[in-house]
């Protein structure tokens, strides 16, 4: 495998594109005028960094979007806006690259569902390869930070691409506070790796992942941001902005600050900065906006302790794992979003002493299961943390 290209954080900068007109609230609204406007926005942003026609010509470009939806409940504001993905793909195609690859693997589902959804509504250049990262060839790549691992199995086509463009959504996340460019790269990992590290050590894992290879560009889609119960069940916010950087840490820090969060309190952004993967305070330029300070938008933070289901009682024990809590939150928010009817019952999460849960109760996560007598007849959702929607599937079967 060829030597991986590494970018220097010393030349990092960030560009904010403030849209002058509001796009349609439906991200699947296919309007030629909107497409043309997005095209020009991207052309202008790229011009701050490279001579794009010459930079991309003859190169293999890998785009990593955030396409993540549930078959039964599609929240378009949780995904990279398909208008942005289509506009970027078409623009890059006009620069005559050797190849354009769009690669994604959302959660523990298949990327084909997301691809089908966007292709039903938008026409992409025929030269583009939609790559499902579920079963692609992977190669071992050494990390440069070694926070919790010295090597990772990553898609070969990602590592061998001449140019990588990270295309995340601007949104909040109940585990990582924000989900931007760095967190979006988590989708490159295998399902087992993702589940195992959706926990207290996720900042270390993200730092190791980013250290393998920096994307050449991060383009953060804030056309409509998503606040609150991210990464899947938040609500749209009219942010109307695009953030581009030639350094993932710099771009994420600037975007987090725009969202009302102090970058240094975002564990993975701060840790990446400490490991010299990029600066938190890179030079920032605003296009179409003079008084940028007044244009900050405060995003509502997600709350993993939130329980929107009135007839489900949550009992918290000691040493509650944030990973268990995050997985549980996903299920509760999905039940609420889909208006699913569930019976009255209690869920136990964390470590307990001297409790006797009943048959109708649920023990969530290995730390809870291991702290309760093995003779209990309560339902057990195992894992450390459990897969996000195993509990949902159990409750769905229970209701049939």
Protein backbone atom coordinates (compact mmCIF):
# COMPACT_ATOMS: atom_id res chain seq x y z
CA UNK A 1 0.00 0.00 0.00
CA UNK A 2 1.29 3.44 -0.86
CA UNK A 3 2.55 5.84 1.78
CA UNK A 4 -0.36 7.67 3.39
CA UNK A 5 -0.47 11.37 2.71
CA UNK A 6 -0.39 13.45 5.87
CA UNK A 7 -1.47 17.05 6.18
CA UNK A 8 0.31 19.51 8.40
CA UNK A 9 -1.92 21.15 11.03
CA UNK A 10 0.22 24.27 10.72
CA UNK A 11 -1.58 25.49 7.60
CA UNK A 12 -5.09 24.80 8.91
CA UNK A 13 -7.84 27.33 8.35
CA UNK A 14 -11.62 27.40 8.42
CA UNK A 15 -14.14 29.00 6.07
CA UNK A 16 -17.76 29.72 7.00
CA UNK A 17 -20.19 30.13 4.13
CA UNK A 18 -23.29 31.96 5.36
CA UNK A 19 -26.13 31.28 2.93
CA UNK A 20 -27.96 34.38 1.82
CA UNK A 21 -31.21 32.56 1.03
CA UNK A 22 -32.99 29.78 2.88
CA UNK A 23 -33.25 26.36 1.28
CA UNK A 24 -36.48 24.42 1.27
CA UNK A 25 -37.12 22.73 4.61
CA UNK A 26 -37.37 19.33 2.87
CA UNK A 27 -33.84 18.02 2.27
CA UNK A 28 -35.21 15.76 -0.46
CA UNK A 29 -36.63 18.72 -2.39
CA UNK A 30 -34.85 18.57 -5.75
CA UNK A 31 -34.72 22.12 -7.11
CA UNK A 32 -32.28 23.05 -9.94
CA UNK A 33 -31.96 26.58 -8.54
CA UNK A 34 -30.94 25.24 -5.13
CA UNK A 35 -28.47 22.87 -6.78
CA UNK A 36 -26.88 25.72 -8.72
CA UNK A 37 -26.61 27.84 -5.56
CA UNK A 38 -24.97 25.02 -3.62
CA UNK A 39 -22.58 24.43 -6.50
CA UNK A 40 -21.43 28.04 -6.40
CA UNK A 41 -21.11 27.95 -2.61
CA UNK A 42 -18.80 24.95 -2.82
CA UNK A 43 -16.79 26.49 -5.66
CA UNK A 44 -16.25 29.60 -3.56
CA UNK A 45 -15.27 27.62 -0.46
CA UNK A 46 -12.79 25.40 -2.33
CA UNK A 47 -11.18 28.49 -3.85
CA UNK A 48 -9.97 29.46 -0.37
CA UNK A 49 -7.85 26.31 -0.24
CA UNK A 50 -6.87 24.99 -3.69
CA UNK A 51 -7.14 25.49 -7.43
CA UNK A 52 -9.90 22.88 -7.51
CA UNK A 53 -9.99 22.02 -11.25
CA UNK A 54 -6.28 21.18 -11.22
CA UNK A 55 -6.23 19.75 -7.70
CA UNK A 56 -8.89 17.09 -8.36
CA UNK A 57 -8.13 16.28 -12.00
CA UNK A 58 -7.08 12.65 -12.45
CA UNK A 59 -7.34 11.79 -8.75
CA UNK A 60 -9.37 9.25 -6.85
CA UNK A 61 -11.66 11.06 -4.40
CA UNK A 62 -13.31 9.35 -1.43
CA UNK A 63 -16.35 11.08 0.11
CA UNK A 64 -17.48 9.98 3.58
CA UNK A 65 -21.00 11.35 4.25
CA UNK A 66 -23.22 10.70 7.26
CA UNK A 67 -26.17 8.77 5.83
CA UNK A 68 -27.92 7.20 8.77
CA UNK A 69 -31.60 6.37 8.90
CA UNK A 70 -33.95 3.72 10.18
CA UNK A 71 -36.16 1.76 7.83
CA UNK A 72 -39.30 2.56 9.81
CA UNK A 73 -38.41 6.11 10.81
CA UNK A 74 -36.49 8.47 8.56
CA UNK A 75 -35.27 11.67 10.17
CA UNK A 76 -33.69 13.53 7.24
CA UNK A 77 -32.15 16.12 9.55
CA UNK A 78 -29.92 13.44 11.09
CA UNK A 79 -28.19 12.84 7.75
CA UNK A 80 -25.89 14.75 5.46
CA UNK A 81 -28.29 16.78 3.34
CA UNK A 82 -28.67 14.82 0.08
CA UNK A 83 -28.71 18.12 -1.82
CA UNK A 84 -25.22 18.80 -0.50
CA UNK A 85 -23.99 15.30 -1.36
CA UNK A 86 -25.39 15.55 -4.88
CA UNK A 87 -24.01 19.07 -5.47
CA UNK A 88 -20.54 18.09 -4.23
CA UNK A 89 -20.51 14.92 -6.33
CA UNK A 90 -21.55 16.77 -9.47
CA UNK A 91 -19.01 19.54 -8.90
CA UNK A 92 -16.15 17.10 -8.36
CA UNK A 93 -17.21 15.13 -11.44
CA UNK A 94 -16.84 18.31 -13.52
CA UNK A 95 -13.18 18.50 -12.45
CA UNK A 96 -12.48 15.19 -14.27
CA UNK A 97 -11.18 13.05 -11.40
CA UNK A 98 -10.05 9.50 -12.01
CA UNK A 99 -12.82 8.19 -9.75
CA UNK A 100 -15.28 9.36 -7.10
CA UNK A 101 -16.21 6.95 -4.31
CA UNK A 102 -18.97 7.58 -1.78
CA UNK A 103 -18.42 5.26 1.17
CA UNK A 104 -20.64 4.80 4.20
CA UNK A 105 -21.75 2.26 6.81
CA UNK A 106 -24.42 3.61 9.18
CA UNK A 107 -24.56 1.99 12.60
CA UNK A 108 -25.37 -1.71 12.44
CA UNK A 109 -27.52 -1.39 9.34
CA UNK A 110 -26.70 -1.51 5.64
CA UNK A 111 -25.60 1.51 3.64
CA UNK A 112 -27.64 0.35 0.63
CA UNK A 113 -30.81 1.59 2.33
CA UNK A 114 -29.41 5.10 2.62
CA UNK A 115 -28.01 5.04 -0.90
CA UNK A 116 -31.36 3.91 -2.33
CA UNK A 117 -33.08 6.75 -0.51
CA UNK A 118 -30.87 9.52 -1.91
CA UNK A 119 -30.75 8.02 -5.42
CA UNK A 120 -34.54 7.88 -5.54
CA UNK A 121 -34.65 11.66 -5.27
CA UNK A 122 -31.45 12.89 -6.92
CA UNK A 123 -29.47 12.12 -10.05
CA UNK A 124 -25.80 11.46 -9.44
CA UNK A 125 -23.07 11.29 -12.09
CA UNK A 126 -22.90 7.76 -13.51
CA UNK A 127 -19.16 7.60 -12.82
CA UNK A 128 -19.66 7.59 -9.05
CA UNK A 129 -19.16 4.37 -7.09
CA UNK A 130 -21.47 3.98 -4.12
CA UNK A 131 -19.39 1.79 -1.84
CA UNK A 132 -20.99 -0.19 0.99
CA UNK A 133 -18.43 -0.47 3.76
CA UNK A 134 -20.10 -3.55 5.22
CA UNK A 135 -17.98 -6.12 3.41
CA UNK A 136 -15.18 -4.22 1.71
CA UNK A 137 -11.54 -5.23 1.75
CA UNK A 138 -9.86 -3.88 4.88
CA UNK A 139 -6.21 -3.47 5.68
CA UNK A 140 -4.34 -2.86 8.90
CA UNK A 141 -3.22 0.74 9.41
CA UNK A 142 -1.01 1.95 12.23
CA UNK A 143 -2.22 4.73 14.49
CA UNK A 144 0.15 7.53 15.41
CA UNK A 145 -1.35 8.32 18.80
CA UNK A 146 -1.83 4.88 20.36
CA UNK A 147 -4.37 6.06 22.90
CA UNK A 148 -6.09 2.67 23.09
CA UNK A 149 -4.95 0.90 19.93
CA UNK A 150 -1.85 0.78 17.75
CA UNK A 151 -3.60 -0.34 14.57
CA UNK A 152 -7.02 -0.35 12.99
CA UNK A 153 -8.66 -2.29 10.18
CA UNK A 154 -9.89 0.32 7.72
CA UNK A 155 -11.32 0.18 4.18
CA UNK A 156 -8.49 -0.16 1.69
CA UNK A 157 -10.14 2.21 -0.78
CA UNK A 158 -10.35 4.89 1.89
CA UNK A 159 -6.67 4.62 2.75
CA UNK A 160 -5.56 4.53 -0.88
CA UNK A 161 -7.66 7.45 -2.12
CA UNK A 162 -5.72 10.47 -3.36
CA UNK A 163 -8.18 12.87 -1.74
CA UNK A 164 -10.56 12.30 1.16
CA UNK A 165 -13.53 14.58 1.81
CA UNK A 166 -15.31 14.23 5.13
CA UNK A 167 -18.96 15.34 4.72
CA UNK A 168 -20.70 15.22 8.11
CA UNK A 169 -23.93 16.70 9.42
CA UNK A 170 -23.84 19.53 11.95
CA UNK A 171 -25.66 17.95 14.88
CA UNK A 172 -25.60 17.14 18.57
CA UNK A 173 -24.98 13.69 20.06
CA UNK A 174 -25.96 12.29 23.47
CA UNK A 175 -22.59 10.54 23.84
CA UNK A 176 -20.07 12.93 22.24
CA UNK A 177 -21.99 16.24 22.63
CA UNK A 178 -21.46 17.05 18.94
CA UNK A 179 -21.22 14.84 15.87
CA UNK A 180 -19.13 16.57 13.20
CA UNK A 181 -16.13 15.63 11.09
CA UNK A 182 -14.14 13.56 13.59
CA UNK A 183 -17.15 11.57 14.82
CA UNK A 184 -18.30 10.99 11.23
CA UNK A 185 -15.14 8.96 10.58
CA UNK A 186 -16.35 6.44 13.18
CA UNK A 187 -18.44 4.97 10.35
CA UNK A 188 -15.25 3.62 8.79
CA UNK A 189 -14.86 1.07 11.59
CA UNK A 190 -16.39 -2.39 11.68
CA UNK A 191 -19.64 -2.85 13.59
CA UNK A 192 -17.89 -4.69 16.42
CA UNK A 193 -15.35 -1.88 16.83
CA UNK A 194 -18.08 0.78 16.81
CA UNK A 195 -20.21 -0.97 19.41
CA UNK A 196 -17.25 -1.77 21.67
CA UNK A 197 -16.08 1.83 21.74
CA UNK A 198 -19.41 3.67 21.90
CA UNK A 199 -18.47 4.11 25.51
CA UNK A 200 -16.32 6.11 27.90
CA UNK A 201 -13.22 5.64 25.72
CA UNK A 202 -14.73 6.92 22.49
CA UNK A 203 -12.62 10.10 22.55
CA UNK A 204 -9.44 8.00 22.62
CA UNK A 205 -10.72 5.78 19.81
CA UNK A 206 -11.61 8.78 17.65
CA UNK A 207 -8.17 10.30 18.25
CA UNK A 208 -6.46 7.10 17.14
CA UNK A 209 -8.72 6.87 14.10
CA UNK A 210 -8.05 10.43 12.97
CA UNK A 211 -4.31 9.95 13.45
CA UNK A 212 -4.18 7.25 10.77
CA UNK A 213 -5.02 9.70 8.05
CA UNK A 214 -6.47 13.20 8.09
CA UNK A 215 -9.17 13.94 5.51
CA UNK A 216 -7.97 16.55 3.03
CA UNK A 217 -11.18 18.52 3.56
CA UNK A 218 -14.02 18.49 6.02
CA UNK A 219 -17.24 20.08 4.75
CA UNK A 220 -19.76 20.34 7.58
CA UNK A 221 -23.35 20.44 6.40
CA UNK A 222 -25.16 23.04 8.47
CA UNK A 223 -27.81 23.84 5.86
CA UNK A 224 -30.25 22.58 8.48
CA UNK A 225 -28.54 21.50 11.67
CA UNK A 226 -30.00 19.09 14.20
CA UNK A 227 -30.13 19.79 17.93
CA UNK A 228 -31.21 17.87 21.01
CA UNK A 229 -31.47 14.09 21.01
CA UNK A 230 -28.88 13.31 18.36
CA UNK A 231 -27.50 11.47 16.57
CA UNK A 232 -30.84 10.23 15.23
CA UNK A 233 -33.85 11.76 16.94
CA UNK A 234 -33.09 15.44 17.35
CA UNK A 235 -34.99 18.36 15.87
CA UNK A 236 -33.99 20.62 12.97
CA UNK A 237 -32.47 24.02 13.56
CA UNK A 238 -32.23 26.75 10.97
CA UNK A 239 -28.44 27.13 10.96
CA UNK A 240 -28.13 27.80 7.20
CA UNK A 241 -24.36 27.49 7.03
CA UNK A 242 -21.52 25.48 5.49
CA UNK A 243 -18.21 25.08 7.33
CA UNK A 244 -15.15 23.95 5.37
CA UNK A 245 -11.62 23.32 6.58
CA UNK A 246 -8.45 21.58 5.47
CA UNK A 247 -8.12 20.15 8.97
CA UNK A 248 -10.76 18.09 10.76
CA UNK A 249 -9.94 19.31 14.27
CA UNK A 250 -9.94 22.95 13.20
CA UNK A 251 -13.24 22.56 11.35
CA UNK A 252 -14.93 20.72 14.21
CA UNK A 253 -13.73 23.22 16.79
CA UNK A 254 -15.03 26.18 14.77
CA UNK A 255 -18.36 24.46 14.11
CA UNK A 256 -18.77 23.46 17.77
CA UNK A 257 -18.12 27.03 18.80
CA UNK A 258 -20.73 28.24 16.30
CA UNK A 259 -23.19 25.77 17.87
CA UNK A 260 -22.61 27.30 21.30
CA UNK A 261 -20.21 24.68 22.70
CA UNK A 262 -16.74 25.35 24.07
CA UNK A 263 -14.47 23.12 21.91
CA UNK A 264 -12.19 22.24 24.82
CA UNK A 265 -15.06 20.66 26.72
CA UNK A 266 -15.72 18.33 23.77
CA UNK A 267 -13.50 15.43 24.84
CA UNK A 268 -12.55 14.09 21.41
CA UNK A 269 -11.85 17.53 19.90
CA UNK A 270 -9.72 18.50 22.88
CA UNK A 271 -7.80 15.20 22.84
CA UNK A 272 -7.10 15.47 19.11
CA UNK A 273 -5.77 18.98 19.69
CA UNK A 274 -3.55 17.75 22.53
CA UNK A 275 -2.15 15.09 20.19
CA UNK A 276 -1.23 17.71 17.57
CA UNK A 277 -3.77 16.51 15.03
CA UNK A 278 -5.00 20.03 14.47
CA UNK A 279 -5.49 23.37 16.15
CA UNK A 280 -8.62 24.38 18.01
CA UNK A 281 -8.08 28.07 17.20
CA UNK A 282 -7.27 28.07 13.48
CA UNK A 283 -7.70 31.25 11.41
CA UNK A 284 -11.38 31.58 10.47
CA UNK A 285 -12.89 33.45 7.53
CA UNK A 286 -16.55 34.30 7.04
CA UNK A 287 -18.06 34.64 3.56
CA UNK A 288 -21.24 36.69 3.15
CA UNK A 289 -21.22 37.79 6.77
CA UNK A 290 -19.51 40.80 8.35
CA UNK A 291 -20.45 40.49 12.01
CA UNK A 292 -19.92 36.76 12.50
CA UNK A 293 -19.96 36.86 16.29
CA UNK A 294 -23.67 37.69 16.32
CA UNK A 295 -24.42 34.79 13.98
CA UNK A 296 -23.71 32.05 16.50
CA UNK A 297 -26.64 29.73 17.05
CA UNK A 298 -27.00 27.91 20.36
CA UNK A 299 -27.89 24.27 19.74
CA UNK A 300 -29.82 22.48 22.46
CA UNK A 301 -27.59 19.79 23.98
CA UNK A 302 -28.68 16.16 23.95
CA UNK A 303 -29.54 14.44 27.23
CA UNK A 304 -28.87 10.70 27.46
CA UNK A 305 -30.87 10.57 30.72
CA UNK A 306 -34.02 11.78 28.98
CA UNK A 307 -36.94 9.34 29.08
CA UNK A 308 -39.84 10.42 26.84
CA UNK A 309 -41.93 7.28 27.57
CA UNK A 310 -44.17 7.84 30.58
CA UNK A 311 -45.06 4.20 31.27
CA UNK A 312 -41.44 3.02 31.26
CA UNK A 313 -39.58 3.51 34.54
CA UNK A 314 -35.79 3.74 34.50
CA UNK A 315 -33.85 2.76 37.61
CA UNK A 316 -30.23 3.94 37.73
CA UNK A 317 -27.73 2.03 39.82
CA UNK A 318 -24.10 2.82 40.59
CA UNK A 319 -21.40 3.33 37.97
CA UNK A 320 -23.80 3.77 35.08
CA UNK A 321 -21.87 3.44 31.83
CA UNK A 322 -22.36 6.32 29.40
CA UNK A 323 -22.28 3.72 26.63
CA UNK A 324 -25.17 1.78 28.16
CA UNK A 325 -27.02 5.02 28.74
CA UNK A 326 -26.49 6.15 25.16
CA UNK A 327 -27.74 2.85 23.73
CA UNK A 328 -30.80 2.95 25.99
CA UNK A 329 -31.52 6.53 25.00
CA UNK A 330 -31.54 5.58 21.31
CA UNK A 331 -34.27 3.00 21.92
CA UNK A 332 -36.44 5.28 24.06
CA UNK A 333 -36.22 8.09 21.52
CA UNK A 334 -37.09 5.72 18.69
CA UNK A 335 -40.13 4.38 20.55
CA UNK A 336 -41.28 7.95 21.07
CA UNK A 337 -40.63 8.98 17.46
CA UNK A 338 -42.59 6.02 16.10
CA UNK A 339 -45.42 6.31 18.65
CA UNK A 340 -44.92 2.65 19.47
CA UNK A 341 -47.21 1.24 22.17
CA UNK A 342 -45.36 -0.55 24.95
CA UNK A 343 -46.59 -2.10 28.22
CA UNK A 344 -45.74 -0.73 31.67
CA UNK A 345 -42.38 -2.03 32.86
CA UNK A 346 -39.10 -1.04 34.51
CA UNK A 347 -35.57 -0.96 33.09
CA UNK A 348 -32.51 -1.30 35.32
CA UNK A 349 -29.18 0.12 34.17
CA UNK A 350 -25.94 0.27 36.18
CA UNK A 351 -24.85 -1.82 39.17
CA UNK A 352 -27.28 -2.87 41.91
CA UNK A 353 -27.15 -4.65 45.25
CA UNK A 354 -29.99 -6.52 46.92
CA UNK A 355 -32.69 -5.94 44.33
CA UNK A 356 -35.20 -8.47 43.05
CA UNK A 357 -36.47 -7.35 39.65
CA UNK A 358 -39.63 -9.00 38.44
CA UNK A 359 -40.38 -11.02 35.33
CA UNK A 360 -41.64 -7.96 33.49
CA UNK A 361 -38.50 -5.96 34.22
CA UNK A 362 -35.49 -5.58 31.94
CA UNK A 363 -31.82 -5.63 32.92
CA UNK A 364 -29.89 -3.46 30.47
CA UNK A 365 -26.16 -3.97 29.90
CA UNK A 366 -23.58 -6.40 31.28
CA UNK A 367 -22.77 -4.31 34.35
CA UNK A 368 -26.40 -4.55 35.46
CA UNK A 369 -26.81 -8.22 34.53
CA UNK A 370 -23.64 -9.20 36.38
CA UNK A 371 -24.70 -7.37 39.54
CA UNK A 372 -28.03 -9.19 39.87
CA UNK A 373 -28.64 -12.78 40.88
CA UNK A 374 -28.41 -15.08 37.84
CA UNK A 375 -31.60 -16.78 38.99
CA UNK A 376 -33.68 -13.72 38.16
CA UNK A 377 -36.29 -14.26 35.48
CA UNK A 378 -36.09 -10.71 34.21
CA UNK A 379 -35.29 -10.12 30.54
CA UNK A 380 -31.62 -9.42 29.87
CA UNK A 381 -30.24 -7.15 27.16
CA UNK A 382 -26.54 -7.97 27.24
CA UNK A 383 -23.55 -6.12 25.85
CA UNK A 384 -21.06 -3.57 27.05
CA UNK A 385 -22.67 -1.53 25.73
CA UNK A 386 -25.61 -3.36 24.15
CA UNK A 387 -26.30 -2.79 20.48
CA UNK A 388 -28.45 0.30 20.17
CA UNK A 389 -31.73 -1.28 19.05
CA UNK A 390 -31.70 -4.79 20.53
CA UNK A 391 -34.05 -3.53 23.24
CA UNK A 392 -36.31 -1.99 20.60
CA UNK A 393 -36.52 -5.31 18.73
CA UNK A 394 -37.33 -7.11 21.96
CA UNK A 395 -40.14 -4.73 22.81
CA UNK A 396 -41.49 -4.94 19.28
CA UNK A 397 -41.67 -8.74 19.52
CA UNK A 398 -43.27 -8.43 22.94
CA UNK A 399 -46.07 -6.34 21.50
CA UNK A 400 -47.00 -8.87 18.84
